Amino acid sequence: MEIYSTVRGDVELYHLQVPYSYDKHTNVNQLEKDVVSRLEYAIDCMVLTPYRKQKTEYGLTVHKSQGEEYDVVVFSPGRVYNEKGGHFVESTNFQGASLLNTAISRAKRVLVIVTDRCKWENAPNQLIAQLIDNAQSVCFTELVELIEDFYNNQRIGTEDILSLFDF
């Protein structure tokens, strides 16, 4: 699957590295959830995840986001493709591919993938791995500044800007 069939060309793509901390007893990747919750409060964004228990206070499951678009989408996969229950992020099956397509196509301007790169490195046929490979890696503070700049500049009539780097 090619990522460019799913992510629009004018969408800025970022990856925020978070160590993998999925707990099979709670069905939550708590560290990832904590980081996206902090992002949710720091920037104007919509947090999407495939799993109800991974959902943040104001975020949505991917299913609930169908038909909507957001300037900035933060995607929290919660799990990895090769573990039990990871079928929603497994892009080589129809259900997973459809769900991932829905999630990442909600972004109008910026898509942030929050996950552990190491868990996806040996999966070149997985959409999330391809997205991470093509994303700019950023730290939390840098990402918040980029998004704040994006919104500040957007509010003063810069409709023709296609990229954060056009500022």
Foldseek 3Di string as FASTA:
>chain_A
DDLCVQAPPLAAAEEEADDAQADPVQLFRVRLLVLVLVVVVLFPEEEEECDPSSAHPRHDYLVVCPPAADQEYEYEDGDDCPDPPSVLQACVDPNNVVSVSSRNNNHDYYYYYYYHLVRCVPPVVGNVNVSNVPHHYDYSVVVSVLRVQVVVVVVVPPVVDRHSVVD
